[in-house]
C-alpha atoms as a PDB file:
ATOM      1  CA  MET A   1     122.855 160.576 101.880  1.00  0.00           C
ATOM      2  CA  GLU A   2     119.960 159.374 104.048  1.00  0.00           C
ATOM      3  CA  TYR A   3     120.496 156.436 106.387  1.00  0.00           C
ATOM      4  CA  VAL A   4     117.780 153.999 107.442  1.00  0.00           C
ATOM      5  CA  LYS A   5     117.703 151.565 110.346  1.00  0.00           C
ATOM      6  CA  VAL A   6     118.468 148.017 109.244  1.00  0.00           C
ATOM      7  CA  GLY A   7     118.155 146.241 112.567  1.00  0.00           C
ATOM      8  CA  THR A   8     119.306 145.793 116.125  1.00  0.00           C
ATOM      9  CA  LEU A   9     122.573 144.051 116.903  1.00  0.00           C
ATOM     10  CA  ASP A  10     122.570 141.524 119.736  1.00  0.00           C
ATOM     11  CA  ASN A  11     126.067 141.997 121.152  1.00  0.00           C
ATOM     12  CA  ILE A  12     129.508 143.488 120.593  1.00  0.00           C
ATOM     13  CA  ILE A  13     130.853 140.341 118.906  1.00  0.00           C
ATOM     14  CA  GLU A  14     128.075 140.394 116.326  1.00  0.00           C
ATOM     15  CA  ALA A  15     128.663 144.118 115.795  1.00  0.00           C
ATOM     16  CA  GLN A  16     132.398 143.634 115.228  1.00  0.00           C
ATOM     17  CA  ILE A  17     131.891 140.781 112.757  1.00  0.00           C
ATOM     18  CA  ILE A  18     129.312 142.730 110.767  1.00  0.00           C
ATOM     19  CA  GLU A  19     131.437 145.891 110.786  1.00  0.00           C
ATOM     20  CA  ASP A  20     134.428 143.924 109.450  1.00  0.00           C
ATOM     21  CA  ILE A  21     132.346 142.490 106.605  1.00  0.00           C
ATOM     22  CA  LEU A  22     130.806 145.847 105.708  1.00  0.00           C
ATOM     23  CA  ARG A  23     134.192 147.611 105.704  1.00  0.00           C
ATOM     24  CA  GLU A  24     135.651 144.854 103.527  1.00  0.00           C
ATOM     25  CA  GLN A  25     132.784 145.223 101.047  1.00  0.00           C
ATOM     26  CA  GLN A  26     132.949 149.049 101.276  1.00  0.00           C
ATOM     27  CA  ILE A  27     129.300 149.326 102.295  1.00  0.00           C
ATOM     28  CA  PRO A  28     128.417 152.597 104.047  1.00  0.00           C
ATOM     29  CA  TYR A  29     126.986 152.151 107.546  1.00  0.00           C
ATOM     30  CA  PHE A  30     127.031 153.403 111.092  1.00  0.00           C
ATOM     31  CA  VAL A  31     126.272 151.766 114.410  1.00  0.00           C
ATOM     32  CA  ARG A  32     124.494 153.470 117.285  1.00  0.00           C
ATOM     33  CA  SER A  33     125.392 151.683 120.503  1.00  0.00           C
ATOM     34  CA  TYR A  34     123.004 151.764 123.444  1.00  0.00           C
ATOM     35  CA  HIS A  35     125.900 151.644 125.900  1.00  0.00           C
ATOM     36  CA  ASP A  36     125.804 154.436 128.436  1.00  0.00           C
ATOM     37  CA  SER A  37     128.616 154.456 130.958  1.00  0.00           C
ATOM     38  CA  ALA A  38     126.465 156.365 133.457  1.00  0.00           C
ATOM     39  CA  TYR A  39     124.048 153.429 133.556  1.00  0.00           C
ATOM     40  CA  GLN A  40     126.706 150.734 133.010  1.00  0.00           C
ATOM     41  CA  GLY A  41     125.075 149.368 129.854  1.00  0.00           C
ATOM     42  CA  LEU A  42     121.615 148.965 131.415  1.00  0.00           C
ATOM     43  CA  PHE A  43     119.847 149.950 128.188  1.00  0.00           C
ATOM     44  CA  GLN A  44     121.699 147.252 126.234  1.00  0.00           C
ATOM     45  CA  LEU A  45     119.981 144.606 128.342  1.00  0.00           C
ATOM     46  CA  HIS A  46     116.567 145.836 127.196  1.00  0.00           C
ATOM     47  CA  LYS A  47     117.113 147.310 123.732  1.00  0.00           C
ATOM     48  CA  GLY A  48     119.926 145.144 122.339  1.00  0.00           C
ATOM     49  CA  TRP A  49     123.546 146.115 121.895  1.00  0.00           C
ATOM     50  CA  GLY A  50     122.868 148.816 119.302  1.00  0.00           C
ATOM     51  CA  ASP A  51     121.248 149.680 115.997  1.00  0.00           C
ATOM     52  CA  LEU A  52     122.769 149.372 112.537  1.00  0.00           C
ATOM     53  CA  TYR A  53     122.030 151.949 109.819  1.00  0.00           C
ATOM     54  CA  THR A  54     122.842 152.151 106.116  1.00  0.00           C
ATOM     55  CA  THR A  55     121.515 153.713 102.934  1.00  0.00           C
ATOM     56  CA  GLU A  56     118.407 152.219 101.336  1.00  0.00           C
ATOM     57  CA  GLN A  57     120.582 150.939  98.487  1.00  0.00           C
ATOM     58  CA  PHE A  58     122.431 148.515 100.801  1.00  0.00           C
ATOM     59  CA  ARG A  59     119.625 147.662 103.230  1.00  0.00           C
ATOM     60  CA  GLU A  60     118.763 144.233 101.793  1.00  0.00           C
ATOM     61  CA  LYS A  61     122.430 143.249 101.437  1.00  0.00           C
ATOM     62  CA  ILE A  62     123.094 144.022 105.095  1.00  0.00           C
ATOM     63  CA  ILE A  63     119.993 142.111 106.179  1.00  0.00           C
ATOM     64  CA  GLU A  64     121.413 139.092 104.327  1.00  0.00           C
ATOM     65  CA  VAL A  65     124.771 139.522 106.093  1.00  0.00           C
ATOM     66  CA  ILE A  66     123.081 139.697 109.504  1.00  0.00           C
ATOM     67  CA  GLU A  67     120.985 136.608 108.786  1.00  0.00           C
ATOM     68  CA  GLU A  68     124.036 134.634 107.621  1.00  0.00           C
ATOM     69  CA  ILE A  69     125.995 135.545 110.755  1.00  0.00           C
ATOM     70  CA  ARG A  70     123.119 134.629 113.035  1.00  0.00           C
ATOM     71  CA  ASP A  71     122.574 131.330 111.215  1.00  0.00           C
ATOM     72  CA  ASP A  72     126.280 130.514 111.554  1.00  0.00           C
ATOM     73  CA  GLN A  73     126.150 131.243 115.283  1.00  0.00           C
ATOM     74  CA  LEU A  74     123.336 128.721 115.711  1.00  0.00           C
ATOM     75  CA  GLU A  75     125.306 125.919 114.122  1.00  0.00           C
END
């Protein structure tokens, strides 16, 4: 199973919300956090909190989930 990058997550709260939704919908994914304890999260300030990956089959669905969450946060 090949995973592709879907996008960059802004923060840990966004990551947790998206992970909860994806687990509930049984969508395969993994998150690569940019946190590095040696640098006390310095890379997260420049790159974002982390990247989200899934299979090509679920890429568009996850993009929709991310957009919905971000839209809800703006309201």
